[in-house]
N, C-alpha and C. Protein backbone atom coordinates (compact mmCIF):
# COMPACT_ATOMS: atom_id res chain seq x y z
N MET A 1 0.97 10.88 7.61
CA MET A 1 0.94 11.72 6.60
C MET A 1 -0.66 12.13 6.47
N CYS A 2 -0.84 13.29 7.15
CA CYS A 2 -1.73 13.92 7.15
C CYS A 2 -3.02 13.22 7.63
N ASP A 3 -2.06 12.62 9.81
CA ASP A 3 -2.98 12.21 10.32
C ASP A 3 -2.90 13.03 11.42
N GLY A 4 -2.60 14.74 11.90
CA GLY A 4 -2.08 14.68 12.55
C GLY A 4 -1.22 14.35 13.60
N ASN A 5 -0.66 13.48 13.30
CA ASN A 5 0.89 13.29 13.85
C ASN A 5 1.31 13.50 13.23
N ILE A 6 3.00 14.14 13.43
CA ILE A 6 4.55 14.73 12.65
C ILE A 6 4.83 13.31 12.89
N ASP A 7 5.65 12.72 11.42
CA ASP A 7 6.14 11.72 11.70
C ASP A 7 7.46 12.00 10.96
N CYS A 8 7.87 13.41 10.44
CA CYS A 8 8.68 13.87 9.24
C CYS A 8 9.63 14.94 10.58
N GLY A 9 10.76 15.02 10.95
CA GLY A 9 11.31 16.13 11.47
C GLY A 9 11.04 17.66 11.50
N ASP A 10 11.12 18.07 10.06
CA ASP A 10 10.48 19.29 8.91
C ASP A 10 8.95 19.54 9.36
N HIS A 11 8.09 18.39 9.68
CA HIS A 11 6.83 18.33 9.47
C HIS A 11 6.15 18.39 8.45
N SER A 12 6.69 18.17 7.40
CA SER A 12 5.77 17.87 5.75
C SER A 12 5.21 16.89 5.69
N ASP A 13 4.84 16.39 6.70
CA ASP A 13 3.72 15.17 6.34
C ASP A 13 2.14 15.81 7.25
N GLU A 14 2.54 16.35 7.48
CA GLU A 14 1.60 17.51 8.32
C GLU A 14 1.00 18.67 7.04
N ASP A 15 1.90 18.98 5.95
CA ASP A 15 1.72 20.32 5.52
C ASP A 15 0.42 20.86 5.27
N PRO A 16 -0.07 21.94 5.23
CA PRO A 16 -1.68 21.97 4.85
C PRO A 16 -1.59 22.06 3.66
N ALA A 17 -0.57 22.64 2.87
CA ALA A 17 -0.67 22.53 1.61
C ALA A 17 -1.30 21.17 0.95
N LEU A 18 -0.53 20.76 1.78
CA LEU A 18 -0.90 18.70 1.12
C LEU A 18 -1.81 17.96 1.19
N CYS A 19 -2.07 18.47 2.76
CA CYS A 19 -2.16 17.42 3.48
C CYS A 19 -4.39 17.88 3.12
N SER A 20 -4.42 19.49 2.78
CA SER A 20 -5.80 19.52 1.98
C SER A 20 -6.73 19.33 1.10
N LYS A 21 -5.33 18.35 0.43
CA LYS A 21 -5.86 18.18 -0.83
C LYS A 21 -6.83 17.00 -0.87
N PRO A 22 -7.55 16.67 -1.79
CA PRO A 22 -8.57 15.39 -1.91
C PRO A 22 -7.98 14.15 -2.07
N PRO A 23 -8.43 13.29 -1.22
CA PRO A 23 -7.35 11.62 -1.59
C PRO A 23 -7.25 11.74 -2.89
N GLY A 24 -6.01 11.02 -3.75
CA GLY A 24 -6.03 10.25 -4.76
C GLY A 24 -5.46 12.12 -5.86
N LYS A 25 -5.37 13.11 -4.86
CA LYS A 25 -4.40 14.06 -5.17
C LYS A 25 -3.60 13.88 -4.92
N ILE A 26 -2.41 13.55 -4.01
CA ILE A 26 -1.12 13.97 -3.72
C ILE A 26 -0.53 13.66 -4.43
N ASP A 27 0.71 14.26 -4.76
CA ASP A 27 1.68 14.33 -5.87
C ASP A 27 3.23 14.46 -4.53
N SER A 28 3.15 13.10 -5.47
CA SER A 28 4.47 12.72 -4.33
C SER A 28 6.01 13.31 -4.24
N THR A 29 6.27 13.96 -5.19
CA THR A 29 7.58 15.19 -5.43
C THR A 29 7.50 15.80 -3.97
N LYS A 30 6.28 16.37 -3.38
CA LYS A 30 5.60 16.85 -1.95
C LYS A 30 6.43 16.37 -0.76
N PHE A 31 6.07 15.18 -1.24
CA PHE A 31 7.00 13.86 0.37
C PHE A 31 8.74 14.22 0.23
N HIS A 32 9.25 14.07 -1.18
CA HIS A 32 10.68 13.78 -0.87
C HIS A 32 11.54 14.88 -1.25
N TYR A 33 11.00 16.15 -1.80
CA TYR A 33 12.00 17.47 -1.64
C TYR A 33 12.56 17.10 -0.37
N GLY A 34 14.01 17.77 -0.46
CA GLY A 34 15.14 16.91 0.03
C GLY A 34 15.56 16.29 0.64
N ILE A 35 15.01 14.89 0.72
CA ILE A 35 15.49 14.03 1.25
C ILE A 35 15.26 12.31 0.34
N ARG A 36 15.13 12.70 -1.30
CA ARG A 36 15.18 11.23 -2.03
C ARG A 36 16.18 11.30 -2.58
N THR A 37 17.27 10.05 -1.98
CA THR A 37 18.91 9.47 -1.94
C THR A 37 19.04 8.97 -3.18
N ARG A 38 17.91 8.20 -4.42
CA ARG A 38 18.13 7.84 -5.15
C ARG A 38 17.06 8.05 -6.24
N LYS A 39 17.52 7.41 -7.95
CA LYS A 39 16.23 7.74 -8.34
C LYS A 39 15.52 6.76 -8.59
N CYS A 40 14.06 6.74 -8.89
CA CYS A 40 13.60 5.40 -9.29
C CYS A 40 13.09 5.36 -10.53
N PRO A 41 12.64 4.15 -11.40
CA PRO A 41 12.48 4.01 -12.89
C PRO A 41 10.49 4.68 -12.51
N THR A 42 10.05 5.27 -13.68
CA THR A 42 9.45 5.80 -13.92
C THR A 42 8.84 6.18 -13.48
N THR A 43 7.59 4.93 -12.73
CA THR A 43 6.23 4.45 -12.51
C THR A 43 6.41 4.45 -10.72
N TRP A 44 7.80 4.05 -10.08
CA TRP A 44 7.91 3.62 -8.87
C TRP A 44 7.66 4.41 -7.84
N PHE A 45 7.30 4.19 -6.77
CA PHE A 45 6.69 5.08 -4.76
C PHE A 45 8.73 5.04 -4.99
N PHE A 46 8.64 6.32 -4.46
CA PHE A 46 9.73 6.84 -3.34
C PHE A 46 9.08 6.89 -1.99
N CYS A 47 9.98 6.07 -1.56
CA CYS A 47 9.14 5.99 0.08
C CYS A 47 9.99 7.39 0.82
N VAL A 48 8.76 7.46 2.03
CA VAL A 48 9.47 8.86 2.14
C VAL A 48 10.55 9.13 2.84
N ASP A 49 11.14 7.56 3.68
CA ASP A 49 12.56 7.94 4.17
C ASP A 49 13.73 7.90 3.59
N GLY A 50 13.13 7.42 2.13
CA GLY A 50 14.06 7.47 1.28
C GLY A 50 14.94 6.40 1.28
N SER A 51 14.75 5.27 1.96
CA SER A 51 15.06 4.01 1.90
C SER A 51 15.07 3.03 0.77
N ASN A 52 14.25 3.03 -0.01
CA ASN A 52 13.63 2.30 -1.41
C ASN A 52 12.79 3.05 -2.08
N CYS A 53 12.75 2.38 -2.99
CA CYS A 53 12.13 2.09 -4.25
C CYS A 53 10.92 1.25 -4.53
N ILE A 54 10.06 1.17 -4.32
CA ILE A 54 9.34 -0.40 -4.84
C ILE A 54 8.05 0.01 -5.99
N ALA A 55 8.25 -0.79 -6.40
CA ALA A 55 7.02 -0.81 -7.84
C ALA A 55 5.83 -0.76 -7.56
N SER A 56 4.75 0.30 -8.56
CA SER A 56 3.67 0.44 -8.09
C SER A 56 2.80 -0.58 -7.66
N ARG A 57 2.25 -1.45 -7.95
CA ARG A 57 1.75 -2.70 -8.37
C ARG A 57 1.55 -2.79 -6.18
N TYR A 58 2.92 -2.84 -5.55
CA TYR A 58 3.19 -2.84 -4.19
C TYR A 58 2.35 -1.43 -3.14
N VAL A 59 2.31 -0.68 -3.76
CA VAL A 59 1.79 0.24 -3.09
C VAL A 59 0.39 0.18 -2.59
N CYS A 60 0.03 0.45 -1.25
CA CYS A 60 -1.80 0.21 -0.90
C CYS A 60 -1.77 -0.94 -1.53
N ASP A 61 -0.73 -1.69 -1.07
CA ASP A 61 -1.08 -3.67 -1.28
C ASP A 61 -1.69 -4.05 0.08
N ASN A 62 -2.19 -3.18 1.28
CA ASN A 62 -1.89 -4.11 2.76
C ASN A 62 -0.39 -4.63 2.82
N PHE A 63 0.88 -4.40 2.73
CA PHE A 63 1.78 -4.62 3.25
C PHE A 63 3.05 -3.46 3.10
N LYS A 64 3.67 -3.33 4.17
CA LYS A 64 4.78 -2.47 4.30
C LYS A 64 5.30 -2.46 3.75
N ASP A 65 6.14 -2.12 2.21
CA ASP A 65 7.39 -2.67 1.81
C ASP A 65 8.63 -1.91 2.29
N CYS A 66 7.90 -0.24 2.43
CA CYS A 66 8.02 0.78 2.54
C CYS A 66 9.24 0.50 4.66
N ARG A 67 10.24 0.57 5.09
CA ARG A 67 10.27 0.50 6.18
C ARG A 67 9.80 1.49 7.15
N ASP A 68 9.37 2.82 6.51
CA ASP A 68 8.37 3.96 7.01
C ASP A 68 7.05 3.19 6.84
N GLY A 69 6.66 2.36 5.97
CA GLY A 69 5.20 2.30 5.69
C GLY A 69 4.46 3.08 5.41
N SER A 70 4.97 4.25 4.47
CA SER A 70 4.38 5.16 3.53
C SER A 70 3.71 4.82 2.58
N ASP A 71 3.89 3.28 1.67
CA ASP A 71 3.43 3.33 0.87
C ASP A 71 1.98 2.62 0.93
N GLU A 72 2.18 2.92 2.09
CA GLU A 72 0.61 1.85 2.78
C GLU A 72 -0.29 3.17 3.53
N ALA A 73 0.14 4.35 3.17
CA ALA A 73 -0.20 5.65 4.22
C ALA A 73 -1.94 6.08 4.17
N GLU A 74 -2.21 6.59 4.37
CA GLU A 74 -3.68 7.76 4.17
C GLU A 74 -4.19 7.48 2.99
N PHE A 75 -3.07 7.81 2.02
CA PHE A 75 -3.54 8.68 1.18
C PHE A 75 -4.42 6.81 -0.32
N CYS A 76 -3.86 5.87 0.24
CA CYS A 76 -4.31 4.33 0.14
C CYS A 76 -5.97 4.62 0.25
N HIS A 77 -6.74 4.72 0.98
CA HIS A 77 -7.95 5.59 0.96
C HIS A 77 -8.47 5.56 -0.27
N GLY A 78 -8.13 6.11 -0.29
CA GLY A 78 -8.40 6.96 -2.19
C GLY A 78 -7.81 6.84 -3.47
N TRP A 79 -7.32 5.24 -2.74
CA TRP A 79 -5.89 5.01 -4.45
C TRP A 79 -6.91 4.42 -5.54
N ASN A 80 -6.40 5.51 -7.14
CA ASN A 80 -7.03 5.48 -8.06
C ASN A 80 -5.53 4.38 -9.19
N GLY A 81 -4.28 4.76 -7.94
CA GLY A 81 -3.05 3.83 -9.08
C GLY A 81 -2.31 5.57 -9.39
N MET A 82 -1.26 4.81 -9.52
CA MET A 82 0.27 5.67 -9.72
C MET A 82 0.32 6.11 -11.50
N LYS A 83 0.32 7.75 -11.79
CA LYS A 83 0.74 8.16 -12.53
C LYS A 83 1.84 9.16 -12.99
N ARG A 84 2.05 9.39 -13.29
CA ARG A 84 3.42 10.72 -14.22
C ARG A 84 2.51 12.17 -14.81
N ASN A 85 2.07 13.29 -14.19
CA ASN A 85 1.14 14.29 -14.89
C ASN A 85 2.46 15.18 -15.85
N ALA A 86 1.31 16.66 -16.60
CA ALA A 86 2.76 17.17 -17.71
C ALA A 86 4.28 17.58 -16.41
N SER A 87 4.44 17.54 -15.75
CA SER A 87 5.34 18.61 -15.08
C SER A 87 5.84 17.67 -15.18
N ASP A 88 5.87 15.90 -14.95
CA ASP A 88 7.14 14.68 -15.03
C ASP A 88 7.27 15.23 -13.24
N ARG A 89 6.05 14.24 -12.48
CA ARG A 89 5.88 14.73 -11.20
C ARG A 89 4.56 13.22 -11.02
N ILE A 90 5.06 12.38 -9.73
CA ILE A 90 4.22 10.73 -10.15
C ILE A 90 2.80 11.40 -9.00
N VAL A 91 1.47 11.39 -9.55
CA VAL A 91 0.67 11.32 -8.60
C VAL A 91 -0.26 10.73 -8.90
N TYR A 92 -0.92 10.50 -7.26
CA TYR A 92 -1.88 9.31 -7.24
C TYR A 92 -3.39 9.90 -7.23
């Protein structure tokens, strides 16, 4: 994600609108548009490949809990935790 390598067939992981944001300001709904297959609890993380939902405490913990490793992606370098914003989107 935002590393110059295309990981998603639709190139969404390298979307300039997403990748131009500073670390810590990435909106998870940008990653999951069209591929979310389940609902997760409010503060949980949706794996990019849609395979799983994981508790926020397991995001950026140096262990890949998502099959695709999206919980340990590049955004972890500026990790400040997850929260919901006013439009009910999870932001990092």
